[in-house]
Each structure stands twice: as structure tokens, then as C-alpha cells.
Amino acid sequence: DEDAKCVCTKLEKLALSLWLKKNRFKHWRIKTVEDFVRGVGILGGNPDRRTGGRPGPKNIWLGLKYLNFLVQGLLLVLEIPQVLRLRDVM
């Protein structure tokens, strides 16, 4: 099992981890590629059940699409303190 760093950035891993922990997966850890792909599949709508099987291409595609939105939102949130500091200087 390869490390998740092989397929995702730190920001993608952080955004997905935060979303999973907020949405009933409190003990989810993204360590391997399989953990990341399963997490992306869940984000894309794949039910995480023992009998549910692995996420399909549609769930992974949707999950990657939603993960991109999460990362963009996280980047905006991280920029807000900088914008507020600049506004105070002006």
C-alpha cells in the first residue's frame, strides 16, 4: 500500500479529512492511496458499507469534482485573514 502523498496534495488530504470527520466518519485516517480513493468515493456518493464494494468511476469522478470545490473553499478561508490585515492597513 502506497502512501497517499503519491496521489494527492496536502491541501486535498486536509480538505477531504475535514469533510469526512464532519460527516459521520470521525475516526477516518487517510494514510494510503486506498484510504484516499475510498474517501473520494464517499464524497462522491458511494455508501461506505461492508457489502457496498469499492467506489466506481462515477463516484470517484464526482468525489474529485467536489474535492476541488472543498479545496477552493479552503484556500479562500485561508486567505481571509490576509485580506482583513490588508484592509486594516489601507
N, C-alpha and C. Protein backbone atom coordinates (compact mmCIF):
# COMPACT_ATOMS: atom_id res chain seq x y z
N ASP A 1 0.83 -1.19 0.00
CA ASP A 1 0.00 0.00 0.00
C ASP A 1 0.87 1.25 0.00
N GLU A 2 0.70 2.06 -1.02
CA GLU A 2 1.47 3.30 -1.16
C GLU A 2 0.91 4.39 -0.27
N ASP A 3 1.76 5.34 0.06
CA ASP A 3 1.35 6.48 0.86
C ASP A 3 0.43 7.38 0.03
N ALA A 4 -0.52 8.02 0.68
CA ALA A 4 -1.50 8.87 -0.01
C ALA A 4 -0.83 10.06 -0.69
N LYS A 5 0.38 10.43 -0.24
CA LYS A 5 1.09 11.55 -0.86
C LYS A 5 1.36 11.32 -2.34
N CYS A 6 1.30 10.06 -2.76
CA CYS A 6 1.56 9.73 -4.17
C CYS A 6 0.45 10.23 -5.09
N VAL A 7 -0.77 10.39 -4.56
CA VAL A 7 -1.90 10.73 -5.42
C VAL A 7 -2.62 12.03 -5.04
N CYS A 8 -2.23 12.66 -3.94
CA CYS A 8 -2.93 13.88 -3.54
C CYS A 8 -1.97 14.87 -2.90
N THR A 9 -2.38 16.12 -2.89
CA THR A 9 -1.61 17.16 -2.23
C THR A 9 -1.98 17.20 -0.75
N LYS A 10 -1.19 17.92 0.02
CA LYS A 10 -1.50 18.07 1.45
C LYS A 10 -2.83 18.78 1.64
N LEU A 11 -3.11 19.76 0.78
CA LEU A 11 -4.36 20.52 0.89
C LEU A 11 -5.57 19.64 0.56
N GLU A 12 -5.45 18.79 -0.47
CA GLU A 12 -6.54 17.87 -0.79
C GLU A 12 -6.78 16.88 0.35
N LYS A 13 -5.70 16.39 0.91
CA LYS A 13 -5.81 15.45 2.03
C LYS A 13 -6.47 16.13 3.24
N LEU A 14 -6.08 17.36 3.52
CA LEU A 14 -6.66 18.10 4.63
C LEU A 14 -8.15 18.37 4.40
N ALA A 15 -8.50 18.84 3.21
CA ALA A 15 -9.90 19.15 2.91
C ALA A 15 -10.77 17.89 3.00
N LEU A 16 -10.29 16.78 2.45
CA LEU A 16 -11.06 15.54 2.50
C LEU A 16 -11.18 15.03 3.93
N SER A 17 -10.10 15.10 4.69
CA SER A 17 -10.13 14.66 6.09
C SER A 17 -11.13 15.47 6.90
N LEU A 18 -11.12 16.79 6.72
CA LEU A 18 -12.06 17.64 7.45
C LEU A 18 -13.50 17.31 7.08
N TRP A 19 -13.76 17.10 5.80
CA TRP A 19 -15.12 16.78 5.36
C TRP A 19 -15.58 15.44 5.93
N LEU A 20 -14.71 14.45 5.86
CA LEU A 20 -15.07 13.12 6.37
C LEU A 20 -15.34 13.16 7.87
N LYS A 21 -14.51 13.89 8.61
CA LYS A 21 -14.70 13.96 10.06
C LYS A 21 -15.97 14.71 10.42
N LYS A 22 -16.35 15.68 9.61
CA LYS A 22 -17.58 16.43 9.86
C LYS A 22 -18.82 15.62 9.50
N ASN A 23 -18.68 14.67 8.60
CA ASN A 23 -19.81 13.90 8.09
C ASN A 23 -19.74 12.44 8.51
N ARG A 24 -19.85 12.18 9.78
CA ARG A 24 -20.00 10.86 10.41
C ARG A 24 -18.85 9.88 10.25
N PHE A 25 -17.69 10.35 9.87
CA PHE A 25 -16.51 9.47 9.77
C PHE A 25 -15.41 10.04 10.67
N LYS A 26 -15.70 10.13 11.96
CA LYS A 26 -14.81 10.81 12.90
C LYS A 26 -13.43 10.17 13.04
N HIS A 27 -13.34 8.86 12.85
CA HIS A 27 -12.08 8.17 13.06
C HIS A 27 -11.37 7.83 11.75
N TRP A 28 -11.76 8.47 10.68
CA TRP A 28 -11.18 8.19 9.36
C TRP A 28 -9.77 8.77 9.28
N ARG A 29 -8.84 7.97 8.84
CA ARG A 29 -7.46 8.42 8.65
C ARG A 29 -7.06 8.16 7.20
N ILE A 30 -6.52 9.15 6.54
CA ILE A 30 -6.07 8.99 5.17
C ILE A 30 -4.57 8.77 5.20
N LYS A 31 -4.16 7.52 5.12
CA LYS A 31 -2.75 7.18 5.14
C LYS A 31 -2.30 6.60 3.81
N THR A 32 -3.15 5.78 3.20
CA THR A 32 -2.76 5.08 1.98
C THR A 32 -3.57 5.59 0.80
N VAL A 33 -3.15 5.16 -0.38
CA VAL A 33 -3.89 5.50 -1.60
C VAL A 33 -5.31 4.96 -1.52
N GLU A 34 -5.47 3.76 -1.01
CA GLU A 34 -6.80 3.16 -0.88
C GLU A 34 -7.70 3.99 0.04
N ASP A 35 -7.15 4.48 1.15
CA ASP A 35 -7.93 5.34 2.05
C ASP A 35 -8.40 6.59 1.33
N PHE A 36 -7.50 7.20 0.55
CA PHE A 36 -7.85 8.42 -0.18
C PHE A 36 -8.93 8.14 -1.22
N VAL A 37 -8.78 7.06 -1.99
CA VAL A 37 -9.76 6.74 -3.03
C VAL A 37 -11.12 6.41 -2.41
N ARG A 38 -11.13 5.66 -1.31
CA ARG A 38 -12.40 5.37 -0.64
C ARG A 38 -13.04 6.65 -0.12
N GLY A 39 -12.23 7.56 0.44
CA GLY A 39 -12.75 8.84 0.92
C GLY A 39 -13.33 9.68 -0.21
N VAL A 40 -12.64 9.71 -1.33
CA VAL A 40 -13.14 10.45 -2.50
C VAL A 40 -14.45 9.81 -2.99
N GLY A 41 -14.50 8.48 -2.98
CA GLY A 41 -15.72 7.78 -3.38
C GLY A 41 -16.89 8.11 -2.46
N ILE A 42 -16.64 8.19 -1.17
CA ILE A 42 -17.69 8.56 -0.22
C ILE A 42 -18.16 9.98 -0.48
N LEU A 43 -17.21 10.88 -0.72
CA LEU A 43 -17.55 12.27 -1.05
C LEU A 43 -18.41 12.31 -2.32
N GLY A 44 -18.15 11.39 -3.25
CA GLY A 44 -18.91 11.34 -4.50
C GLY A 44 -20.22 10.58 -4.40
N GLY A 45 -20.55 10.07 -3.20
CA GLY A 45 -21.86 9.43 -3.03
C GLY A 45 -21.84 7.94 -2.83
N ASN A 46 -20.68 7.32 -2.81
CA ASN A 46 -20.62 5.88 -2.59
C ASN A 46 -20.93 5.58 -1.12
N PRO A 47 -21.90 4.70 -0.86
CA PRO A 47 -22.17 4.37 0.55
C PRO A 47 -21.03 3.53 1.11
N ASP A 48 -20.57 3.88 2.28
CA ASP A 48 -19.46 3.14 2.88
C ASP A 48 -20.02 1.99 3.71
N ARG A 49 -20.29 0.89 3.03
CA ARG A 49 -20.81 -0.31 3.69
C ARG A 49 -19.88 -1.47 3.42
N ARG A 50 -19.93 -2.44 4.29
CA ARG A 50 -19.09 -3.63 4.07
C ARG A 50 -19.47 -4.35 2.79
N THR A 51 -20.76 -4.39 2.49
CA THR A 51 -21.22 -5.10 1.30
C THR A 51 -21.32 -4.17 0.09
N GLY A 52 -21.03 -2.89 0.27
CA GLY A 52 -21.18 -1.92 -0.81
C GLY A 52 -20.12 -2.01 -1.89
N GLY A 53 -18.99 -2.59 -1.58
CA GLY A 53 -17.93 -2.68 -2.57
C GLY A 53 -17.15 -1.39 -2.70
N ARG A 54 -16.22 -1.40 -3.63
CA ARG A 54 -15.39 -0.22 -3.86
C ARG A 54 -16.14 0.81 -4.70
N PRO A 55 -15.74 2.08 -4.58
CA PRO A 55 -16.41 3.11 -5.38
C PRO A 55 -16.13 2.93 -6.87
N GLY A 56 -17.13 3.21 -7.67
CA GLY A 56 -16.98 3.10 -9.11
C GLY A 56 -16.46 4.39 -9.71
N PRO A 57 -16.28 4.40 -11.03
CA PRO A 57 -15.72 5.59 -11.69
C PRO A 57 -16.58 6.83 -11.53
N LYS A 58 -17.90 6.66 -11.53
CA LYS A 58 -18.77 7.83 -11.39
C LYS A 58 -18.63 8.45 -10.01
N ASN A 59 -18.60 7.62 -8.96
CA ASN A 59 -18.43 8.14 -7.60
C ASN A 59 -17.07 8.81 -7.43
N ILE A 60 -16.04 8.23 -8.01
CA ILE A 60 -14.71 8.83 -7.90
C ILE A 60 -14.66 10.14 -8.67
N TRP A 61 -15.25 10.17 -9.86
CA TRP A 61 -15.27 11.40 -10.65
C TRP A 61 -16.01 12.52 -9.91
N LEU A 62 -17.20 12.19 -9.39
CA LEU A 62 -17.96 13.20 -8.63
C LEU A 62 -17.21 13.62 -7.38
N GLY A 63 -16.59 12.65 -6.70
CA GLY A 63 -15.84 12.96 -5.50
C GLY A 63 -14.67 13.90 -5.78
N LEU A 64 -13.96 13.67 -6.88
CA LEU A 64 -12.86 14.56 -7.24
C LEU A 64 -13.36 15.96 -7.59
N LYS A 65 -14.52 16.01 -8.23
CA LYS A 65 -15.13 17.30 -8.56
C LYS A 65 -15.48 18.06 -7.28
N TYR A 66 -16.12 17.38 -6.32
CA TYR A 66 -16.49 18.02 -5.05
C TYR A 66 -15.25 18.35 -4.22
N LEU A 67 -14.23 17.49 -4.29
CA LEU A 67 -12.99 17.76 -3.57
C LEU A 67 -12.33 19.04 -4.08
N ASN A 68 -12.40 19.27 -5.37
CA ASN A 68 -11.88 20.51 -5.93
C ASN A 68 -12.60 21.72 -5.34
N PHE A 69 -13.93 21.62 -5.19
CA PHE A 69 -14.70 22.71 -4.58
C PHE A 69 -14.26 22.92 -3.13
N LEU A 70 -14.06 21.82 -2.39
CA LEU A 70 -13.63 21.93 -1.00
C LEU A 70 -12.27 22.60 -0.89
N VAL A 71 -11.35 22.22 -1.76
CA VAL A 71 -10.00 22.81 -1.75
C VAL A 71 -10.08 24.30 -2.07
N GLN A 72 -10.87 24.68 -3.07
CA GLN A 72 -11.02 26.10 -3.42
C GLN A 72 -11.60 26.88 -2.25
N GLY A 73 -12.59 26.32 -1.58
CA GLY A 73 -13.17 26.97 -0.40
C GLY A 73 -12.16 27.10 0.73
N LEU A 74 -11.38 26.06 0.94
CA LEU A 74 -10.36 26.09 1.98
C LEU A 74 -9.31 27.15 1.68
N LEU A 75 -8.93 27.27 0.41
CA LEU A 75 -7.97 28.32 0.02
C LEU A 75 -8.54 29.71 0.29
N LEU A 76 -9.82 29.89 0.00
CA LEU A 76 -10.45 31.19 0.27
C LEU A 76 -10.46 31.49 1.76
N VAL A 77 -10.78 30.49 2.57
CA VAL A 77 -10.81 30.69 4.02
C VAL A 77 -9.42 31.04 4.54
N LEU A 78 -8.40 30.40 3.99
CA LEU A 78 -7.04 30.68 4.43
C LEU A 78 -6.58 32.08 4.02
N GLU A 79 -7.17 32.64 2.97
CA GLU A 79 -6.80 33.98 2.51
C GLU A 79 -7.53 35.08 3.27
N ILE A 80 -8.63 34.79 3.93
CA ILE A 80 -9.42 35.82 4.60
C ILE A 80 -8.61 36.60 5.63
N PRO A 81 -7.83 35.97 6.51
CA PRO A 81 -7.05 36.77 7.47
C PRO A 81 -6.09 37.74 6.79
N GLN A 82 -5.49 37.33 5.67
CA GLN A 82 -4.57 38.21 4.95
C GLN A 82 -5.32 39.40 4.37
N VAL A 83 -6.51 39.17 3.83
CA VAL A 83 -7.31 40.25 3.25
C VAL A 83 -7.73 41.22 4.35
N LEU A 84 -8.12 40.69 5.51
CA LEU A 84 -8.53 41.56 6.60
C LEU A 84 -7.36 42.41 7.11
N ARG A 85 -6.16 41.82 7.17
CA ARG A 85 -4.98 42.59 7.59
C ARG A 85 -4.67 43.69 6.58
N LEU A 86 -4.79 43.39 5.30
CA LEU A 86 -4.54 44.40 4.27
C LEU A 86 -5.55 45.53 4.36
N ARG A 87 -6.80 45.18 4.64
CA ARG A 87 -7.84 46.21 4.73
C ARG A 87 -7.57 47.13 5.92
N ASP A 88 -7.05 46.59 7.03
CA ASP A 88 -6.75 47.40 8.19
C ASP A 88 -5.61 48.37 7.92
N VAL A 89 -4.67 47.97 7.03
CA VAL A 89 -3.53 48.82 6.70
C VAL A 89 -3.96 49.97 5.81
N MET A 90 -4.91 49.73 4.94
CA MET A 90 -5.33 50.75 3.97
C MET A 90 -6.11 51.85 4.62
